[in-house]
Amino acid sequence: MDVLVFASRKGGSGKSTLSAHLAARVSQAGYRCLLIDADPQGSLALWHGLRGTGDPALRKSRSGISDILKVARRDEYKWALVDTPPNTSAAVVDAIRAATLVIIPARLTVFDLAAIRDTIEIAREYKKPYAVVINGAPALRDNTESQYVTEVREAIARLNVPIWSGQITNRAAYSLALESGEGVTEYDAASPASDEINRLWTAIEKSVKAIHGAYGGAGMHRVAA
């Protein structure tokens, strides 16, 4: 079982949103997927309740996830996606220690960019692969990203931090899908938002395969040193 942990000490970075949309995408692909809501705010649990299907499965945790993951492995889940609280608490550290890959969403604000450093330090301490995903970005113009996105991407790269080559754009479809208990790939499969989630999931799959030595191409992650 592979464990994706969504972490950032900055609230509102998009951890819960990405967790929900990707979990729906994983379930669509036919994989057994477990969502773990480790954030006291309970956004994932709220979405799961609106969904009303029980798929993907969801477990809540406010202290640690080790026991939940042990049972999930026994039950032969393929993926576990973990939404963490916006801090660097023991629960976050416990999740990162269990991660196959740590996804660090970041919006284009100085506060988000400062916050990723703390999460990266924990990933590096436990030698866990990680990558930053730009979230809430301006839409592409003529298939070209905003100059501000490019500048932020370059600033993150200068810190020797891996970053996904795509972006999650600020689109209404993401919130509308969640309000209906769906992922955006279910809500509107032909939308640009759905394409972004599909692209992100493809990048995650490639990175996880590379981590396991099953893919020789470039991944968006870097194994923490």
C-alpha atoms as a PDB file:
ATOM      1  CA  MET A   1       0.000   0.000   0.000  1.00  0.00           C
ATOM      2  CA  ASP A   2       1.245   3.467  -0.880  1.00  0.00           C
ATOM      3  CA  VAL A   3       0.596   6.416   1.415  1.00  0.00           C
ATOM      4  CA  LEU A   4       0.180   9.965   0.097  1.00  0.00           C
ATOM      5  CA  VAL A   5       0.380  12.610   2.807  1.00  0.00           C
ATOM      6  CA  PHE A   6      -0.879  16.138   2.122  1.00  0.00           C
ATOM      7  CA  ALA A   7       0.931  18.486   4.472  1.00  0.00           C
ATOM      8  CA  SER A   8       1.594  22.178   5.068  1.00  0.00           C
ATOM      9  CA  ARG A   9       1.523  24.204   8.252  1.00  0.00           C
ATOM     10  CA  LYS A  10      -0.403  26.917   6.359  1.00  0.00           C
ATOM     11  CA  GLY A  11      -4.182  26.642   6.546  1.00  0.00           C
ATOM     12  CA  GLY A  12      -6.061  27.061   3.273  1.00  0.00           C
ATOM     13  CA  SER A  13      -3.232  25.761   1.106  1.00  0.00           C
ATOM     14  CA  GLY A  14      -5.466  23.118  -0.463  1.00  0.00           C
ATOM     15  CA  LYS A  15      -4.639  19.893   1.383  1.00  0.00           C
ATOM     16  CA  SER A  16      -8.248  18.792   1.884  1.00  0.00           C
ATOM     17  CA  THR A  17      -9.302  19.861  -1.613  1.00  0.00           C
ATOM     18  CA  LEU A  18      -6.536  17.915  -3.343  1.00  0.00           C
ATOM     19  CA  SER A  19      -7.054  14.901  -1.074  1.00  0.00           C
ATOM     20  CA  ALA A  20     -10.749  14.701  -1.969  1.00  0.00           C
ATOM     21  CA  HIS A  21     -10.374  15.238  -5.714  1.00  0.00           C
ATOM     22  CA  LEU A  22      -7.494  12.772  -6.003  1.00  0.00           C
ATOM     23  CA  ALA A  23      -9.263  10.170  -3.863  1.00  0.00           C
ATOM     24  CA  ALA A  24     -12.271  10.331  -6.185  1.00  0.00           C
ATOM     25  CA  ARG A  25      -9.931   9.967  -9.160  1.00  0.00           C
ATOM     26  CA  VAL A  26      -8.223   6.931  -7.603  1.00  0.00           C
ATOM     27  CA  SER A  27     -11.571   5.269  -6.904  1.00  0.00           C
ATOM     28  CA  GLN A  28     -12.667   5.915 -10.485  1.00  0.00           C
ATOM     29  CA  ALA A  29      -9.592   4.008 -11.629  1.00  0.00           C
ATOM     30  CA  GLY A  30     -10.809   0.983  -9.662  1.00  0.00           C
ATOM     31  CA  TYR A  31      -8.209   1.052  -6.888  1.00  0.00           C
ATOM     32  CA  ARG A  32      -9.105   0.388  -3.262  1.00  0.00           C
ATOM     33  CA  CYS A  33      -8.513   3.743  -1.630  1.00  0.00           C
ATOM     34  CA  LEU A  34      -8.659   4.867   2.000  1.00  0.00           C
ATOM     35  CA  LEU A  35      -9.015   8.493   3.047  1.00  0.00           C
ATOM     36  CA  ILE A  36      -7.662   9.418   6.468  1.00  0.00           C
ATOM     37  CA  ASP A  37      -8.903  12.703   7.914  1.00  0.00           C
ATOM     38  CA  ALA A  38      -6.308  13.692  10.493  1.00  0.00           C
ATOM     39  CA  ASP A  39      -7.333  17.369  10.506  1.00  0.00           C
ATOM     40  CA  PRO A  40      -9.593  18.439  13.409  1.00  0.00           C
ATOM     41  CA  GLN A  41     -11.385  20.781  11.013  1.00  0.00           C
ATOM     42  CA  GLY A  42     -12.876  17.668   9.412  1.00  0.00           C
ATOM     43  CA  SER A  43     -13.230  18.949   5.837  1.00  0.00           C
ATOM     44  CA  LEU A  44     -12.701  15.512   4.313  1.00  0.00           C
ATOM     45  CA  ALA A  45     -15.267  13.967   6.639  1.00  0.00           C
ATOM     46  CA  LEU A  46     -17.752  16.673   5.617  1.00  0.00           C
ATOM     47  CA  TRP A  47     -17.172  15.947   1.917  1.00  0.00           C
ATOM     48  CA  HIS A  48     -17.432  12.222   2.556  1.00  0.00           C
ATOM     49  CA  GLY A  49     -20.770  12.741   4.272  1.00  0.00           C
ATOM     50  CA  LEU A  50     -22.073  14.752   1.315  1.00  0.00           C
ATOM     51  CA  ARG A  51     -20.874  11.988  -0.992  1.00  0.00           C
ATOM     52  CA  GLY A  52     -22.895   9.386   0.857  1.00  0.00           C
ATOM     53  CA  THR A  53     -21.474   6.371  -0.994  1.00  0.00           C
ATOM     54  CA  GLY A  54     -18.841   5.060   1.428  1.00  0.00           C
ATOM     55  CA  ASP A  55     -16.376   4.958  -1.480  1.00  0.00           C
ATOM     56  CA  PRO A  56     -13.623   5.753  -0.951  1.00  0.00           C
ATOM     57  CA  ALA A  57     -13.605   4.600   2.646  1.00  0.00           C
ATOM     58  CA  LEU A  58     -12.782   7.184   5.317  1.00  0.00           C
ATOM     59  CA  ARG A  59     -11.240   6.964   8.767  1.00  0.00           C
ATOM     60  CA  LYS A  60     -10.786   9.807  11.241  1.00  0.00           C
ATOM     61  CA  SER A  61      -7.709  10.290  13.389  1.00  0.00           C
ATOM     62  CA  ARG A  62      -6.689  13.113  15.690  1.00  0.00           C
ATOM     63  CA  SER A  63      -3.524  11.663  17.234  1.00  0.00           C
ATOM     64  CA  GLY A  64      -1.747   9.298  14.839  1.00  0.00           C
ATOM     65  CA  ILE A  65      -2.380   7.076  11.847  1.00  0.00           C
ATOM     66  CA  SER A  66      -0.096   4.084  12.434  1.00  0.00           C
ATOM     67  CA  ASP A  67      -2.841   1.747  13.658  1.00  0.00           C
ATOM     68  CA  ILE A  68      -5.192   2.813  10.841  1.00  0.00           C
ATOM     69  CA  LEU A  69      -2.520   2.089   8.230  1.00  0.00           C
ATOM     70  CA  LYS A  70      -1.758  -1.285   9.784  1.00  0.00           C
ATOM     71  CA  VAL A  71      -5.397  -2.339   9.394  1.00  0.00           C
ATOM     72  CA  ALA A  72      -5.563  -0.846   5.881  1.00  0.00           C
ATOM     73  CA  ARG A  73      -2.590  -2.924   4.764  1.00  0.00           C
ATOM     74  CA  ARG A  74      -4.208  -6.020   6.202  1.00  0.00           C
ATOM     75  CA  ASP A  75      -7.382  -5.147   4.303  1.00  0.00           C
ATOM     76  CA  GLU A  76      -5.349  -4.813   1.090  1.00  0.00           C
ATOM     77  CA  TYR A  77      -5.957  -1.181   0.243  1.00  0.00           C
ATOM     78  CA  LYS A  78      -3.859   0.041  -2.670  1.00  0.00           C
ATOM     79  CA  TRP A  79      -3.705   3.718  -1.676  1.00  0.00           C
ATOM     80  CA  ALA A  80      -4.118   5.725   1.518  1.00  0.00           C
ATOM     81  CA  LEU A  81      -4.484   9.510   1.239  1.00  0.00           C
ATOM     82  CA  VAL A  82      -3.912  11.460   4.451  1.00  0.00           C
ATOM     83  CA  ASP A  83      -5.133  15.009   5.107  1.00  0.00           C
ATOM     84  CA  THR A  84      -3.162  16.595   7.951  1.00  0.00           C
ATOM     85  CA  PRO A  85      -3.751  19.631  10.183  1.00  0.00           C
ATOM     86  CA  PRO A  86      -2.089  22.973   9.317  1.00  0.00           C
ATOM     87  CA  ASN A  87       0.787  22.700  11.782  1.00  0.00           C
ATOM     88  CA  THR A  88       3.869  20.631  12.550  1.00  0.00           C
ATOM     89  CA  SER A  89       2.334  18.648  15.412  1.00  0.00           C
ATOM     90  CA  ALA A  90       3.129  15.077  16.401  1.00  0.00           C
ATOM     91  CA  ALA A  91       0.201  13.914  14.236  1.00  0.00           C
ATOM     92  CA  VAL A  92       1.776  15.532  11.167  1.00  0.00           C
ATOM     93  CA  VAL A  93       5.177  14.044  11.939  1.00  0.00           C
ATOM     94  CA  ASP A  94       3.574  10.612  12.403  1.00  0.00           C
ATOM     95  CA  ALA A  95       1.889  10.913   8.998  1.00  0.00           C
ATOM     96  CA  ILE A  96       5.042  12.035   7.206  1.00  0.00           C
ATOM     97  CA  ARG A  97       7.017   9.186   8.765  1.00  0.00           C
ATOM     98  CA  ALA A  98       4.517   6.759   7.202  1.00  0.00           C
ATOM     99  CA  ALA A  99       4.434   8.460   3.791  1.00  0.00           C
ATOM    100  CA  THR A 100       5.450   7.003   0.481  1.00  0.00           C
ATOM    101  CA  LEU A 101       5.258  10.540  -0.913  1.00  0.00           C
ATOM    102  CA  VAL A 102       4.544  13.891   0.751  1.00  0.00           C
ATOM    103  CA  ILE A 103       2.506  16.368  -1.317  1.00  0.00           C
ATOM    104  CA  ILE A 104       2.931  19.994  -0.224  1.00  0.00           C
ATOM    105  CA  PRO A 105       0.279  22.302  -1.723  1.00  0.00           C
ATOM    106  CA  ALA A 106       1.259  25.971  -1.901  1.00  0.00           C
ATOM    107  CA  ARG A 107      -0.690  29.016  -2.972  1.00  0.00           C
ATOM    108  CA  LEU A 108       1.083  32.038  -4.409  1.00  0.00           C
ATOM    109  CA  THR A 109       1.518  33.978  -1.167  1.00  0.00           C
ATOM    110  CA  VAL A 110       4.578  34.749   0.904  1.00  0.00           C
ATOM    111  CA  PHE A 111       2.961  32.947   3.843  1.00  0.00           C
ATOM    112  CA  ASP A 112       2.494  29.701   1.913  1.00  0.00           C
ATOM    113  CA  LEU A 113       6.016  29.825   0.534  1.00  0.00           C
ATOM    114  CA  ALA A 114       7.430  30.331   4.017  1.00  0.00           C
ATOM    115  CA  ALA A 115       5.268  27.506   5.380  1.00  0.00           C
ATOM    116  CA  ILE A 116       6.557  24.877   2.967  1.00  0.00           C
ATOM    117  CA  ARG A 117      10.011  25.109   4.529  1.00  0.00           C
ATOM    118  CA  ASP A 118       8.832  23.605   7.826  1.00  0.00           C
ATOM    119  CA  THR A 119       7.133  20.673   6.090  1.00  0.00           C
ATOM    120  CA  ILE A 120      10.165  20.079   3.894  1.00  0.00           C
ATOM    121  CA  GLU A 121      12.430  19.984   6.944  1.00  0.00           C
ATOM    122  CA  ILE A 122      10.318  17.191   8.457  1.00  0.00           C
ATOM    123  CA  ALA A 123      10.318  15.249   5.182  1.00  0.00           C
ATOM    124  CA  ARG A 124      14.077  15.621   4.946  1.00  0.00           C
ATOM    125  CA  GLU A 125      14.563  14.570   8.559  1.00  0.00           C
ATOM    126  CA  TYR A 126      12.773  11.281   7.882  1.00  0.00           C
ATOM    127  CA  LYS A 127      14.179  10.953   4.340  1.00  0.00           C
ATOM    128  CA  LYS A 128      10.749  10.953   2.727  1.00  0.00           C
ATOM    129  CA  PRO A 129      10.223  11.888  -0.927  1.00  0.00           C
ATOM    130  CA  TYR A 130       8.255  15.098  -1.352  1.00  0.00           C
ATOM    131  CA  ALA A 131       7.081  17.605  -3.958  1.00  0.00           C
ATOM    132  CA  VAL A 132       5.371  20.997  -3.989  1.00  0.00           C
ATOM    133  CA  VAL A 133       2.156  21.495  -5.979  1.00  0.00           C
ATOM    134  CA  ILE A 134       1.163  25.044  -6.919  1.00  0.00           C
ATOM    135  CA  ASN A 135      -2.495  25.563  -6.054  1.00  0.00           C
ATOM    136  CA  GLY A 136      -5.012  28.337  -6.699  1.00  0.00           C
ATOM    137  CA  ALA A 137      -2.986  29.713  -9.608  1.00  0.00           C
ATOM    138  CA  PRO A 138      -4.205  32.169 -12.281  1.00  0.00           C
ATOM    139  CA  ALA A 139      -5.451  30.522 -15.465  1.00  0.00           C
ATOM    140  CA  LEU A 140      -3.092  29.932 -18.352  1.00  0.00           C
ATOM    141  CA  ARG A 141      -3.124  32.496 -21.158  1.00  0.00           C
ATOM    142  CA  ASP A 142      -2.393  31.120 -24.634  1.00  0.00           C
ATOM    143  CA  ASN A 143      -1.265  27.925 -22.891  1.00  0.00           C
ATOM    144  CA  THR A 144       1.323  29.901 -20.922  1.00  0.00           C
ATOM    145  CA  GLU A 145       1.372  30.187 -17.142  1.00  0.00           C
ATOM    146  CA  SER A 146       1.238  33.522 -15.352  1.00  0.00           C
ATOM    147  CA  GLN A 147       4.548  35.327 -14.966  1.00  0.00           C
ATOM    148  CA  TYR A 148       3.986  35.304 -11.205  1.00  0.00           C
ATOM    149  CA  VAL A 149       3.599  31.495 -11.245  1.00  0.00           C
ATOM    150  CA  THR A 150       6.840  31.219 -13.213  1.00  0.00           C
ATOM    151  CA  GLU A 151       8.664  33.470 -10.736  1.00  0.00           C
ATOM    152  CA  VAL A 152       7.382  31.471  -7.758  1.00  0.00           C
ATOM    153  CA  ARG A 153       8.278  28.200  -9.472  1.00  0.00           C
ATOM    154  CA  GLU A 154      11.816  29.457 -10.089  1.00  0.00           C
ATOM    155  CA  ALA A 155      12.153  30.676  -6.499  1.00  0.00           C
ATOM    156  CA  ILE A 156      11.129  27.263  -5.156  1.00  0.00           C
ATOM    157  CA  ALA A 157      13.483  25.489  -7.562  1.00  0.00           C
ATOM    158  CA  ARG A 158      16.369  27.673  -6.344  1.00  0.00           C
ATOM    159  CA  LEU A 159      15.763  26.219  -2.883  1.00  0.00           C
ATOM    160  CA  ASN A 160      16.519  22.783  -4.390  1.00  0.00           C
ATOM    161  CA  VAL A 161      12.897  21.782  -3.808  1.00  0.00           C
ATOM    162  CA  PRO A 162      11.073  19.565  -6.357  1.00  0.00           C
ATOM    163  CA  ILE A 163       7.919  21.070  -7.801  1.00  0.00           C
ATOM    164  CA  TRP A 164       5.216  19.673 -10.079  1.00  0.00           C
ATOM    165  CA  SER A 165       5.489  21.109 -13.593  1.00  0.00           C
ATOM    166  CA  GLY A 166       1.734  21.692 -13.785  1.00  0.00           C
ATOM    167  CA  GLN A 167      -0.608  23.789 -11.671  1.00  0.00           C
ATOM    168  CA  ILE A 168      -4.004  23.625  -9.998  1.00  0.00           C
ATOM    169  CA  THR A 169      -5.854  26.685 -11.265  1.00  0.00           C
ATOM    170  CA  ASN A 170      -8.315  28.758  -9.279  1.00  0.00           C
ATOM    171  CA  ARG A 171     -11.538  27.327 -10.766  1.00  0.00           C
ATOM    172  CA  ALA A 172     -15.127  27.247  -9.510  1.00  0.00           C
ATOM    173  CA  ALA A 173     -15.467  23.625 -10.654  1.00  0.00           C
ATOM    174  CA  TYR A 174     -13.316  22.419  -7.769  1.00  0.00           C
ATOM    175  CA  SER A 175     -15.580  23.829  -5.064  1.00  0.00           C
ATOM    176  CA  LEU A 176     -18.806  23.041  -6.931  1.00  0.00           C
ATOM    177  CA  ALA A 177     -17.778  19.395  -7.235  1.00  0.00           C
ATOM    178  CA  LEU A 178     -16.967  19.143  -3.528  1.00  0.00           C
ATOM    179  CA  GLU A 179     -20.287  20.739  -2.598  1.00  0.00           C
ATOM    180  CA  SER A 180     -22.042  17.932  -4.470  1.00  0.00           C
ATOM    181  CA  GLY A 181     -19.945  15.240  -2.798  1.00  0.00           C
ATOM    182  CA  GLU A 182     -17.956  14.521  -5.933  1.00  0.00           C
ATOM    183  CA  GLY A 183     -14.456  14.850  -7.276  1.00  0.00           C
ATOM    184  CA  VAL A 184     -14.072  17.146 -10.259  1.00  0.00           C
ATOM    185  CA  THR A 185     -13.288  14.197 -12.556  1.00  0.00           C
ATOM    186  CA  GLU A 186     -16.760  12.876 -11.691  1.00  0.00           C
ATOM    187  CA  TYR A 187     -18.509  16.247 -11.694  1.00  0.00           C
ATOM    188  CA  ASP A 188     -17.312  17.300 -15.155  1.00  0.00           C
ATOM    189  CA  ALA A 189     -14.917  14.864 -16.779  1.00  0.00           C
ATOM    190  CA  ALA A 190     -14.339  17.124 -19.791  1.00  0.00           C
ATOM    191  CA  SER A 191     -13.440  20.245 -17.801  1.00  0.00           C
ATOM    192  CA  PRO A 192     -10.004  21.891 -17.551  1.00  0.00           C
ATOM    193  CA  ALA A 193     -10.120  21.211 -13.802  1.00  0.00           C
ATOM    194  CA  SER A 194     -10.583  17.498 -14.438  1.00  0.00           C
ATOM    195  CA  ASP A 195      -7.622  17.577 -16.817  1.00  0.00           C
ATOM    196  CA  GLU A 196      -5.464  19.172 -14.110  1.00  0.00           C
ATOM    197  CA  ILE A 197      -6.363  16.489 -11.569  1.00  0.00           C
ATOM    198  CA  ASN A 198      -5.706  13.757 -14.131  1.00  0.00           C
ATOM    199  CA  ARG A 199      -2.310  15.263 -14.919  1.00  0.00           C
ATOM    200  CA  LEU A 200      -1.424  15.557 -11.246  1.00  0.00           C
ATOM    201  CA  TRP A 201      -2.464  11.962 -10.613  1.00  0.00           C
ATOM    202  CA  THR A 202      -0.328  10.769 -13.535  1.00  0.00           C
ATOM    203  CA  ALA A 203       2.662  12.644 -12.077  1.00  0.00           C
ATOM    204  CA  ILE A 204       2.036  11.115  -8.638  1.00  0.00           C
ATOM    205  CA  GLU A 205       1.812   7.602 -10.074  1.00  0.00           C
ATOM    206  CA  LYS A 206       5.078   8.065 -11.957  1.00  0.00           C
ATOM    207  CA  SER A 207       6.809   9.383  -8.842  1.00  0.00           C
ATOM    208  CA  VAL A 208       5.582   6.494  -6.695  1.00  0.00           C
ATOM    209  CA  LYS A 209       6.707   3.980  -9.311  1.00  0.00           C
ATOM    210  CA  ALA A 210      10.101   5.680  -9.409  1.00  0.00           C
ATOM    211  CA  ILE A 211      10.337   5.532  -5.618  1.00  0.00           C
ATOM    212  CA  HIS A 212       9.820   1.778  -5.840  1.00  0.00           C
ATOM    213  CA  GLY A 213      12.311   1.446  -8.689  1.00  0.00           C
ATOM    214  CA  ALA A 214       9.619   0.486 -11.195  1.00  0.00           C
ATOM    215  CA  TYR A 215       9.909   3.575 -13.391  1.00  0.00           C
ATOM    216  CA  GLY A 216      13.083   4.974 -14.893  1.00  0.00           C
ATOM    217  CA  GLY A 217      11.732   8.319 -16.107  1.00  0.00           C
ATOM    218  CA  ALA A 218      11.688  11.664 -14.337  1.00  0.00           C
ATOM    219  CA  GLY A 219       9.350  12.071 -11.378  1.00  0.00           C
ATOM    220  CA  MET A 220       8.178  15.267  -9.739  1.00  0.00           C
ATOM    221  CA  HIS A 221       9.532  14.164  -6.357  1.00  0.00           C
ATOM    222  CA  ARG A 222      12.960  14.048  -4.876  1.00  0.00           C
ATOM    223  CA  VAL A 223      14.033  11.597  -2.184  1.00  0.00           C
ATOM    224  CA  ALA A 224      14.885  13.764   0.805  1.00  0.00           C
ATOM    225  CA  ALA A 225      18.564  13.897   1.661  1.00  0.00           C
END
